[in-house]
Amino acid sequence: MATIKITQTGSPIRREKDQRATLIGLGLNKMHKTRELEDSPEVRGMIRKVQHMVSVEG
């Protein structure tokens, strides 16, 4: 399956709890941390929820 590279670019400080939880669910909890995840509808939905705090490649 295809993969997506996700990098956290924004801080979760002063964000809603569900957005913080979404970042943790994606495996991102520190600035500039990068994860490579499978390209699935579930992951795409999580990315869409925190799109203002992450950058996506691939």
PDB file of N, CA and C in Angstrom:
ATOM      1  N   MET A   1       0.835  -1.176   0.000  1.00  0.00           N
ATOM      2  CA  MET A   1       0.000   0.000   0.000  1.00  0.00           C
ATOM      3  C   MET A   1       0.886   1.248   0.000  1.00  0.00           C
ATOM      4  N   ALA A   2       0.387   2.322  -0.540  1.00  0.00           N
ATOM      5  CA  ALA A   2       1.134   3.577  -0.618  1.00  0.00           C
ATOM      6  C   ALA A   2       1.293   4.193   0.773  1.00  0.00           C
ATOM      7  N   THR A   3       2.315   5.016   0.915  1.00  0.00           N
ATOM      8  CA  THR A   3       2.555   5.669   2.198  1.00  0.00           C
ATOM      9  C   THR A   3       2.543   7.185   2.039  1.00  0.00           C
ATOM     10  N   ILE A   4       2.315   7.862   3.154  1.00  0.00           N
ATOM     11  CA  ILE A   4       2.295   9.321   3.212  1.00  0.00           C
ATOM     12  C   ILE A   4       3.298   9.742   4.284  1.00  0.00           C
ATOM     13  N   LYS A   5       4.083  10.758   3.988  1.00  0.00           N
ATOM     14  CA  LYS A   5       5.028  11.299   4.965  1.00  0.00           C
ATOM     15  C   LYS A   5       4.407  12.551   5.573  1.00  0.00           C
ATOM     16  N   ILE A   6       4.244  12.546   6.906  1.00  0.00           N
ATOM     17  CA  ILE A   6       3.592  13.633   7.623  1.00  0.00           C
ATOM     18  C   ILE A   6       4.591  14.253   8.591  1.00  0.00           C
ATOM     19  N   THR A   7       4.705  15.581   8.582  1.00  0.00           N
ATOM     20  CA  THR A   7       5.591  16.301   9.492  1.00  0.00           C
ATOM     21  C   THR A   7       4.779  17.321  10.271  1.00  0.00           C
ATOM     22  N   GLN A   8       4.969  17.350  11.583  1.00  0.00           N
ATOM     23  CA  GLN A   8       4.265  18.328  12.413  1.00  0.00           C
ATOM     24  C   GLN A   8       4.964  19.672  12.279  1.00  0.00           C
ATOM     25  N   THR A   9       4.220  20.696  11.884  1.00  0.00           N
ATOM     26  CA  THR A   9       4.783  22.031  11.701  1.00  0.00           C
ATOM     27  C   THR A   9       4.186  23.052  12.658  1.00  0.00           C
ATOM     28  N   GLY A  10       3.084  22.716  13.306  1.00  0.00           N
ATOM     29  CA  GLY A  10       2.429  23.647  14.220  1.00  0.00           C
ATOM     30  C   GLY A  10       2.368  23.089  15.626  1.00  0.00           C
ATOM     31  N   SER A  11       2.280  23.982  16.588  1.00  0.00           N
ATOM     32  CA  SER A  11       2.236  23.591  17.989  1.00  0.00           C
ATOM     33  C   SER A  11       0.797  23.300  18.428  1.00  0.00           C
ATOM     34  N   PRO A  12       0.609  22.270  19.261  1.00  0.00           N
ATOM     35  CA  PRO A  12      -0.734  21.976  19.770  1.00  0.00           C
ATOM     36  C   PRO A  12      -1.121  22.821  20.982  1.00  0.00           C
ATOM     37  N   ILE A  13      -0.263  23.753  21.363  1.00  0.00           N
ATOM     38  CA  ILE A  13      -0.582  24.619  22.503  1.00  0.00           C
ATOM     39  C   ILE A  13      -1.790  25.482  22.151  1.00  0.00           C
ATOM     40  N   ARG A  14      -2.718  25.598  23.081  1.00  0.00           N
ATOM     41  CA  ARG A  14      -3.969  26.354  22.927  1.00  0.00           C
ATOM     42  C   ARG A  14      -4.858  25.810  21.816  1.00  0.00           C
ATOM     43  N   ARG A  15      -4.763  24.530  21.541  1.00  0.00           N
ATOM     44  CA  ARG A  15      -5.663  23.879  20.587  1.00  0.00           C
ATOM     45  C   ARG A  15      -6.656  23.038  21.368  1.00  0.00           C
ATOM     46  N   GLU A  16      -7.705  22.624  20.698  1.00  0.00           N
ATOM     47  CA  GLU A  16      -8.712  21.792  21.353  1.00  0.00           C
ATOM     48  C   GLU A  16      -8.132  20.411  21.656  1.00  0.00           C
ATOM     49  N   LYS A  17      -8.685  19.769  22.676  1.00  0.00           N
ATOM     50  CA  LYS A  17      -8.168  18.472  23.117  1.00  0.00           C
ATOM     51  C   LYS A  17      -8.264  17.418  22.029  1.00  0.00           C
ATOM     52  N   ASP A  18      -9.312  17.465  21.210  1.00  0.00           N
ATOM     53  CA  ASP A  18      -9.449  16.447  20.175  1.00  0.00           C
ATOM     54  C   ASP A  18      -8.379  16.606  19.094  1.00  0.00           C
ATOM     55  N   GLN A  19      -7.916  17.840  18.849  1.00  0.00           N
ATOM     56  CA  GLN A  19      -6.845  18.043  17.877  1.00  0.00           C
ATOM     57  C   GLN A  19      -5.520  17.529  18.434  1.00  0.00           C
ATOM     58  N   ARG A  20      -5.276  17.737  19.718  1.00  0.00           N
ATOM     59  CA  ARG A  20      -4.074  17.183  20.351  1.00  0.00           C
ATOM     60  C   ARG A  20      -4.091  15.666  20.284  1.00  0.00           C
ATOM     61  N   ALA A  21      -5.250  15.076  20.565  1.00  0.00           N
ATOM     62  CA  ALA A  21      -5.379  13.622  20.538  1.00  0.00           C
ATOM     63  C   ALA A  21      -5.171  13.081  19.124  1.00  0.00           C
ATOM     64  N   THR A  22      -5.605  13.816  18.125  1.00  0.00           N
ATOM     65  CA  THR A  22      -5.421  13.396  16.744  1.00  0.00           C
ATOM     66  C   THR A  22      -3.939  13.388  16.382  1.00  0.00           C
ATOM     67  N   LEU A  23      -3.197  14.404  16.815  1.00  0.00           N
ATOM     68  CA  LEU A  23      -1.755  14.417  16.567  1.00  0.00           C
ATOM     69  C   LEU A  23      -1.075  13.216  17.223  1.00  0.00           C
ATOM     70  N   ILE A  24      -1.458  12.912  18.441  1.00  0.00           N
ATOM     71  CA  ILE A  24      -0.877  11.764  19.133  1.00  0.00           C
ATOM     72  C   ILE A  24      -1.256  10.473  18.414  1.00  0.00           C
ATOM     73  N   GLY A  25      -2.486  10.394  17.919  1.00  0.00           N
ATOM     74  CA  GLY A  25      -2.919   9.228  17.158  1.00  0.00           C
ATOM     75  C   GLY A  25      -2.124   9.036  15.881  1.00  0.00           C
ATOM     76  N   LEU A  26      -1.673  10.131  15.300  1.00  0.00           N
ATOM     77  CA  LEU A  26      -0.832  10.058  14.096  1.00  0.00           C
ATOM     78  C   LEU A  26       0.624   9.772  14.453  1.00  0.00           C
ATOM     79  N   GLY A  27       0.959   9.781  15.730  1.00  0.00           N
ATOM     80  CA  GLY A  27       2.329   9.543  16.157  1.00  0.00           C
ATOM     81  C   GLY A  27       3.168  10.804  16.187  1.00  0.00           C
ATOM     82  N   LEU A  28       2.519  11.951  16.193  1.00  0.00           N
ATOM     83  CA  LEU A  28       3.219  13.233  16.228  1.00  0.00           C
ATOM     84  C   LEU A  28       2.931  13.902  17.558  1.00  0.00           C
ATOM     85  N   ASN A  29       3.981  14.205  18.323  1.00  0.00           N
ATOM     86  CA  ASN A  29       3.758  14.901  19.587  1.00  0.00           C
ATOM     87  C   ASN A  29       4.814  15.960  19.843  1.00  0.00           C
ATOM     88  N   LYS A  30       5.734  16.137  18.924  1.00  0.00           N
ATOM     89  CA  LYS A  30       6.755  17.180  19.057  1.00  0.00           C
ATOM     90  C   LYS A  30       6.921  17.873  17.717  1.00  0.00           C
ATOM     91  N   MET A  31       7.320  19.117  17.766  1.00  0.00           N
ATOM     92  CA  MET A  31       7.511  19.900  16.555  1.00  0.00           C
ATOM     93  C   MET A  31       8.565  19.253  15.655  1.00  0.00           C
ATOM     94  N   HIS A  32       8.323  19.294  14.366  1.00  0.00           N
ATOM     95  CA  HIS A  32       9.227  18.816  13.314  1.00  0.00           C
ATOM     96  C   HIS A  32       9.453  17.312  13.342  1.00  0.00           C
ATOM     97  N   LYS A  33       8.610  16.575  14.039  1.00  0.00           N
ATOM     98  CA  LYS A  33       8.692  15.121  14.029  1.00  0.00           C
ATOM     99  C   LYS A  33       8.016  14.619  12.754  1.00  0.00           C
ATOM    100  N   THR A  34       8.584  13.607  12.129  1.00  0.00           N
ATOM    101  CA  THR A  34       8.059  13.076  10.879  1.00  0.00           C
ATOM    102  C   THR A  34       7.691  11.609  11.052  1.00  0.00           C
ATOM    103  N   ARG A  35       6.553  11.236  10.466  1.00  0.00           N
ATOM    104  CA  ARG A  35       6.101   9.847  10.463  1.00  0.00           C
ATOM    105  C   ARG A  35       5.722   9.457   9.049  1.00  0.00           C
ATOM    106  N   GLU A  36       5.883   8.196   8.738  1.00  0.00           N
ATOM    107  CA  GLU A  36       5.461   7.671   7.451  1.00  0.00           C
ATOM    108  C   GLU A  36       4.352   6.652   7.724  1.00  0.00           C
ATOM    109  N   LEU A  37       3.146   6.963   7.249  1.00  0.00           N
ATOM    110  CA  LEU A  37       1.974   6.138   7.526  1.00  0.00           C
ATOM    111  C   LEU A  37       1.341   5.652   6.233  1.00  0.00           C
ATOM    112  N   GLU A  38       0.539   4.598   6.350  1.00  0.00           N
ATOM    113  CA  GLU A  38      -0.178   4.081   5.188  1.00  0.00           C
ATOM    114  C   GLU A  38      -1.214   5.097   4.712  1.00  0.00           C
ATOM    115  N   ASP A  39      -1.406   5.140   3.415  1.00  0.00           N
ATOM    116  CA  ASP A  39      -2.402   6.042   2.833  1.00  0.00           C
ATOM    117  C   ASP A  39      -3.755   5.351   2.882  1.00  0.00           C
ATOM    118  N   SER A  40      -4.530   5.660   3.938  1.00  0.00           N
ATOM    119  CA  SER A  40      -5.850   5.064   4.106  1.00  0.00           C
ATOM    120  C   SER A  40      -6.865   6.178   4.365  1.00  0.00           C
ATOM    121  N   PRO A  41      -8.139   5.915   4.181  1.00  0.00           N
ATOM    122  CA  PRO A  41      -9.156   6.936   4.444  1.00  0.00           C
ATOM    123  C   PRO A  41      -9.151   7.417   5.897  1.00  0.00           C
ATOM    124  N   GLU A  42      -8.822   6.519   6.831  1.00  0.00           N
ATOM    125  CA  GLU A  42      -8.784   6.905   8.236  1.00  0.00           C
ATOM    126  C   GLU A  42      -7.666   7.909   8.496  1.00  0.00           C
ATOM    127  N   VAL A  43      -6.492   7.636   7.951  1.00  0.00           N
ATOM    128  CA  VAL A  43      -5.354   8.543   8.124  1.00  0.00           C
ATOM    129  C   VAL A  43      -5.628   9.863   7.423  1.00  0.00           C
ATOM    130  N   ARG A  44      -6.218   9.819   6.239  1.00  0.00           N
ATOM    131  CA  ARG A  44      -6.555  11.055   5.514  1.00  0.00           C
ATOM    132  C   ARG A  44      -7.517  11.929   6.328  1.00  0.00           C
ATOM    133  N   GLY A  45      -8.487  11.299   6.999  1.00  0.00           N
ATOM    134  CA  GLY A  45      -9.426  12.046   7.818  1.00  0.00           C
ATOM    135  C   GLY A  45      -8.754  12.695   9.015  1.00  0.00           C
ATOM    136  N   MET A  46      -7.807  11.985   9.621  1.00  0.00           N
ATOM    137  CA  MET A  46      -7.069  12.553  10.748  1.00  0.00           C
ATOM    138  C   MET A  46      -6.210  13.729  10.287  1.00  0.00           C
ATOM    139  N   ILE A  47      -5.590  13.590   9.118  1.00  0.00           N
ATOM    140  CA  ILE A  47      -4.774  14.678   8.571  1.00  0.00           C
ATOM    141  C   ILE A  47      -5.649  15.894   8.290  1.00  0.00           C
ATOM    142  N   ARG A  48      -6.823  15.664   7.736  1.00  0.00           N
ATOM    143  CA  ARG A  48      -7.732  16.775   7.419  1.00  0.00           C
ATOM    144  C   ARG A  48      -8.129  17.545   8.678  1.00  0.00           C
ATOM    145  N   LYS A  49      -8.248  16.835   9.793  1.00  0.00           N
ATOM    146  CA  LYS A  49      -8.650  17.480  11.041  1.00  0.00           C
ATOM    147  C   LYS A  49      -7.568  18.415  11.583  1.00  0.00           C
ATOM    148  N   VAL A  50      -6.302  18.073  11.340  1.00  0.00           N
ATOM    149  CA  VAL A  50      -5.201  18.900  11.863  1.00  0.00           C
ATOM    150  C   VAL A  50      -4.342  19.438  10.718  1.00  0.00           C
ATOM    151  N   GLN A  51      -4.942  19.706   9.581  1.00  0.00           N
ATOM    152  CA  GLN A  51      -4.186  20.122   8.401  1.00  0.00           C
ATOM    153  C   GLN A  51      -3.439  21.433   8.597  1.00  0.00           C
ATOM    154  N   HIS A  52      -3.874  22.248   9.551  1.00  0.00           N
ATOM    155  CA  HIS A  52      -3.206  23.520   9.811  1.00  0.00           C
ATOM    156  C   HIS A  52      -1.945  23.339  10.668  1.00  0.00           C
ATOM    157  N   MET A  53      -1.693  22.118  11.169  1.00  0.00           N
ATOM    158  CA  MET A  53      -0.528  21.868  12.005  1.00  0.00           C
ATOM    159  C   MET A  53       0.440  20.865  11.407  1.00  0.00           C
ATOM    160  N   VAL A  54       0.155  20.338  10.218  1.00  0.00           N
ATOM    161  CA  VAL A  54       1.025  19.342   9.603  1.00  0.00           C
ATOM    162  C   VAL A  54       1.292  19.682   8.150  1.00  0.00           C
ATOM    163  N   SER A  55       2.372  19.131   7.626  1.00  0.00           N
ATOM    164  CA  SER A  55       2.626  19.192   6.188  1.00  0.00           C
ATOM    165  C   SER A  55       2.716  17.757   5.695  1.00  0.00           C
ATOM    166  N   VAL A  56       2.218  17.524   4.486  1.00  0.00           N
ATOM    167  CA  VAL A  56       2.100  16.187   3.926  1.00  0.00           C
ATOM    168  C   VAL A  56       2.899  16.104   2.644  1.00  0.00           C
ATOM    169  N   GLU A  57       3.642  15.003   2.488  1.00  0.00           N
ATOM    170  CA  GLU A  57       4.378  14.723   1.257  1.00  0.00           C
ATOM    171  C   GLU A  57       3.955  13.344   0.759  1.00  0.00           C
ATOM    172  N   GLY A  58       3.928  13.216  -0.532  1.00  0.00           N
ATOM    173  CA  GLY A  58       3.684  11.914  -1.133  1.00  0.00           C
ATOM    174  C   GLY A  58       2.282  11.575  -1.144  1.00  0.00           C
TER     175      GLY A  58
END
